[in-house]
Amino acid sequence: MISDSQKIEIAKRFAELHPTPFAAWTPDDDYESDDDQYLAVYGHLVTGVYGDCYGLNAVYDEEDNLIQEATEFEVAVEQFESKSEDGEVFFFEKTNELTGMRKFIDEHGRDGDW
């Protein structure tokens, strides 16, 4: 599962591509913190609000059923939204962070030093 801190870092990198102030294109809600606002931006980023978000390494079977979810994504940032004259492609990866028993087993080995 991707952590909130990873989502916030992805949203911050995405925001850096835009010349327009962050508050002008983010959801117009009251947020308890800047982190909450970045989490909202991440949510909009992956659901396609800021442009089509393509999962690059998703795996499908012959009948187009999803076998494995993507961990690498890209979103086109159009010229008028970008600091670049030609627009840019924003690439990001989601990495799963182990928690609970999975983290314990990973840290101590399956046979365990416990």
C-alpha atoms as a PDB file:
ATOM      1  CA  MET A   1       0.000   0.000   0.000  1.00  0.00           C
ATOM      2  CA  ILE A   2       1.304   3.455  -0.873  1.00  0.00           C
ATOM      3  CA  SER A   3       1.858   5.737   2.104  1.00  0.00           C
ATOM      4  CA  ASP A   4       0.501   9.251   2.514  1.00  0.00           C
ATOM      5  CA  SER A   5       4.045  10.606   2.577  1.00  0.00           C
ATOM      6  CA  GLN A   6       4.715   9.057  -0.835  1.00  0.00           C
ATOM      7  CA  LYS A   7       1.455  10.505  -2.206  1.00  0.00           C
ATOM      8  CA  ILE A   8       2.401  13.950  -0.889  1.00  0.00           C
ATOM      9  CA  GLU A   9       5.849  13.799  -2.515  1.00  0.00           C
ATOM     10  CA  ILE A  10       4.312  12.803  -5.864  1.00  0.00           C
ATOM     11  CA  ALA A  11       1.810  15.678  -5.637  1.00  0.00           C
ATOM     12  CA  LYS A  12       4.584  18.159  -4.776  1.00  0.00           C
ATOM     13  CA  ARG A  13       6.645  17.055  -7.791  1.00  0.00           C
ATOM     14  CA  PHE A  14       3.564  17.396  -9.994  1.00  0.00           C
ATOM     15  CA  ALA A  15       2.858  20.897  -8.650  1.00  0.00           C
ATOM     16  CA  GLU A  16       6.425  21.997  -9.458  1.00  0.00           C
ATOM     17  CA  LEU A  17       5.720  21.552 -13.189  1.00  0.00           C
ATOM     18  CA  HIS A  18       3.054  24.264 -13.207  1.00  0.00           C
ATOM     19  CA  PRO A  19       3.754  27.984 -13.522  1.00  0.00           C
ATOM     20  CA  THR A  20       0.323  28.834 -12.083  1.00  0.00           C
ATOM     21  CA  PRO A  21       0.201  29.150  -8.289  1.00  0.00           C
ATOM     22  CA  PHE A  22      -0.729  25.894  -6.608  1.00  0.00           C
ATOM     23  CA  ALA A  23      -3.888  27.282  -5.010  1.00  0.00           C
ATOM     24  CA  ALA A  24      -5.305  28.337  -8.407  1.00  0.00           C
ATOM     25  CA  TRP A  25      -5.673  24.814  -9.788  1.00  0.00           C
ATOM     26  CA  THR A  26      -6.133  22.678  -6.702  1.00  0.00           C
ATOM     27  CA  PRO A  27      -9.505  21.671  -5.306  1.00  0.00           C
ATOM     28  CA  ASP A  28     -11.282  24.622  -3.697  1.00  0.00           C
ATOM     29  CA  ASP A  29     -11.915  23.137  -0.268  1.00  0.00           C
ATOM     30  CA  ASP A  30     -10.908  23.972   3.272  1.00  0.00           C
ATOM     31  CA  TYR A  31      -7.971  21.825   4.326  1.00  0.00           C
ATOM     32  CA  GLU A  32      -6.712  21.247   7.828  1.00  0.00           C
ATOM     33  CA  SER A  33      -3.125  21.189   6.548  1.00  0.00           C
ATOM     34  CA  ASP A  34      -1.011  21.541   3.422  1.00  0.00           C
ATOM     35  CA  ASP A  35      -0.579  17.781   3.490  1.00  0.00           C
ATOM     36  CA  ASP A  36      -4.342  17.314   3.163  1.00  0.00           C
ATOM     37  CA  GLN A  37      -4.321  19.559   0.115  1.00  0.00           C
ATOM     38  CA  TYR A  38      -1.478  17.575  -1.461  1.00  0.00           C
ATOM     39  CA  LEU A  39      -3.346  14.334  -0.755  1.00  0.00           C
ATOM     40  CA  ALA A  40      -6.360  15.768  -2.597  1.00  0.00           C
ATOM     41  CA  VAL A  41      -4.123  16.683  -5.541  1.00  0.00           C
ATOM     42  CA  TYR A  42      -2.726  13.143  -5.596  1.00  0.00           C
ATOM     43  CA  GLY A  43      -6.261  11.745  -5.605  1.00  0.00           C
ATOM     44  CA  HIS A  44      -7.204  13.958  -8.536  1.00  0.00           C
ATOM     45  CA  LEU A  45      -3.975  13.105 -10.335  1.00  0.00           C
ATOM     46  CA  VAL A  46      -4.563   9.341 -10.294  1.00  0.00           C
ATOM     47  CA  THR A  47      -8.272   9.621 -11.130  1.00  0.00           C
ATOM     48  CA  GLY A  48      -7.633  11.689 -14.252  1.00  0.00           C
ATOM     49  CA  VAL A  49      -8.842  15.116 -13.177  1.00  0.00           C
ATOM     50  CA  TYR A  50      -5.602  16.713 -14.417  1.00  0.00           C
ATOM     51  CA  GLY A  51      -5.414  14.611 -17.569  1.00  0.00           C
ATOM     52  CA  ASP A  52      -5.423  10.950 -18.473  1.00  0.00           C
ATOM     53  CA  CYS A  53      -3.306   8.983 -16.038  1.00  0.00           C
ATOM     54  CA  TYR A  54      -1.864   5.928 -17.780  1.00  0.00           C
ATOM     55  CA  GLY A  55      -0.666   2.870 -15.897  1.00  0.00           C
ATOM     56  CA  LEU A  56       2.372   1.833 -17.903  1.00  0.00           C
ATOM     57  CA  ASN A  57       3.129  -1.597 -16.513  1.00  0.00           C
ATOM     58  CA  ALA A  58      -0.320  -3.022 -15.802  1.00  0.00           C
ATOM     59  CA  VAL A  59      -0.741  -6.628 -16.915  1.00  0.00           C
ATOM     60  CA  TYR A  60      -3.911  -7.902 -18.615  1.00  0.00           C
ATOM     61  CA  ASP A  61      -4.941 -11.335 -19.848  1.00  0.00           C
ATOM     62  CA  GLU A  62      -6.248 -12.140 -23.350  1.00  0.00           C
ATOM     63  CA  GLU A  63      -9.773 -11.109 -22.340  1.00  0.00           C
ATOM     64  CA  ASP A  64      -8.548  -7.698 -21.111  1.00  0.00           C
ATOM     65  CA  ASN A  65      -9.014  -8.560 -17.440  1.00  0.00           C
ATOM     66  CA  LEU A  66      -6.564  -6.887 -15.086  1.00  0.00           C
ATOM     67  CA  ILE A  67      -4.057  -9.373 -13.678  1.00  0.00           C
ATOM     68  CA  GLN A  68      -1.612  -6.987 -12.008  1.00  0.00           C
ATOM     69  CA  GLU A  69      -2.143  -3.318 -11.194  1.00  0.00           C
ATOM     70  CA  ALA A  70       0.298  -0.755 -12.535  1.00  0.00           C
ATOM     71  CA  THR A  71       2.987   0.757 -10.349  1.00  0.00           C
ATOM     72  CA  GLU A  72       4.365   3.162 -12.977  1.00  0.00           C
ATOM     73  CA  PHE A  73       2.216   6.003 -14.296  1.00  0.00           C
ATOM     74  CA  GLU A  74       2.383   9.006 -16.588  1.00  0.00           C
ATOM     75  CA  VAL A  75       0.229  12.081 -17.090  1.00  0.00           C
ATOM     76  CA  ALA A  76       0.658  14.586 -19.932  1.00  0.00           C
ATOM     77  CA  VAL A  77       1.002  18.178 -18.735  1.00  0.00           C
ATOM     78  CA  GLU A  78      -0.133  20.330 -21.644  1.00  0.00           C
ATOM     79  CA  GLN A  79       1.875  23.290 -22.889  1.00  0.00           C
ATOM     80  CA  PHE A  80      -0.474  25.910 -21.410  1.00  0.00           C
ATOM     81  CA  GLU A  81      -0.253  24.223 -17.972  1.00  0.00           C
ATOM     82  CA  SER A  82       3.482  23.619 -18.005  1.00  0.00           C
ATOM     83  CA  LYS A  83       6.626  25.669 -17.424  1.00  0.00           C
ATOM     84  CA  SER A  84       8.010  24.012 -20.569  1.00  0.00           C
ATOM     85  CA  GLU A  85       7.150  25.465 -23.969  1.00  0.00           C
ATOM     86  CA  ASP A  86       6.364  22.006 -25.328  1.00  0.00           C
ATOM     87  CA  GLY A  87       4.509  20.581 -22.363  1.00  0.00           C
ATOM     88  CA  GLU A  88       5.826  17.667 -20.335  1.00  0.00           C
ATOM     89  CA  VAL A  89       5.054  14.117 -19.368  1.00  0.00           C
ATOM     90  CA  PHE A  90       4.934  13.610 -15.625  1.00  0.00           C
ATOM     91  CA  PHE A  91       6.121  10.145 -14.618  1.00  0.00           C
ATOM     92  CA  PHE A  92       5.727   8.657 -11.157  1.00  0.00           C
ATOM     93  CA  GLU A  93       5.959   5.310  -9.445  1.00  0.00           C
ATOM     94  CA  LYS A  94       3.955   3.921  -6.578  1.00  0.00           C
ATOM     95  CA  THR A  95       5.874   1.592  -4.331  1.00  0.00           C
ATOM     96  CA  ASN A  96       4.206  -0.595  -1.786  1.00  0.00           C
ATOM     97  CA  GLU A  97       5.391  -0.132   1.743  1.00  0.00           C
ATOM     98  CA  LEU A  98       5.233  -3.214   3.886  1.00  0.00           C
ATOM     99  CA  THR A  99       3.311  -2.892   7.134  1.00  0.00           C
ATOM    100  CA  GLY A 100       2.269  -5.142   9.982  1.00  0.00           C
ATOM    101  CA  MET A 101       3.176  -8.830   9.776  1.00  0.00           C
ATOM    102  CA  ARG A 102       4.513  -8.535   6.205  1.00  0.00           C
ATOM    103  CA  LYS A 103       7.023  -5.930   7.380  1.00  0.00           C
ATOM    104  CA  PHE A 104       7.998  -8.059  10.372  1.00  0.00           C
ATOM    105  CA  ILE A 105       8.589 -11.136   8.191  1.00  0.00           C
ATOM    106  CA  ASP A 106      10.550  -9.095   5.657  1.00  0.00           C
ATOM    107  CA  GLU A 107      12.769  -7.639   8.367  1.00  0.00           C
ATOM    108  CA  HIS A 108      13.333 -10.915  10.276  1.00  0.00           C
ATOM    109  CA  GLY A 109      13.119 -13.523   7.554  1.00  0.00           C
ATOM    110  CA  ARG A 110      10.471 -16.126   6.923  1.00  0.00           C
ATOM    111  CA  ASP A 111      12.116 -18.646   9.209  1.00  0.00           C
ATOM    112  CA  GLY A 112      12.737 -15.819  11.610  1.00  0.00           C
ATOM    113  CA  ASP A 113      15.324 -14.786  14.055  1.00  0.00           C
ATOM    114  CA  TRP A 114      12.471 -14.329  16.479  1.00  0.00           C
END
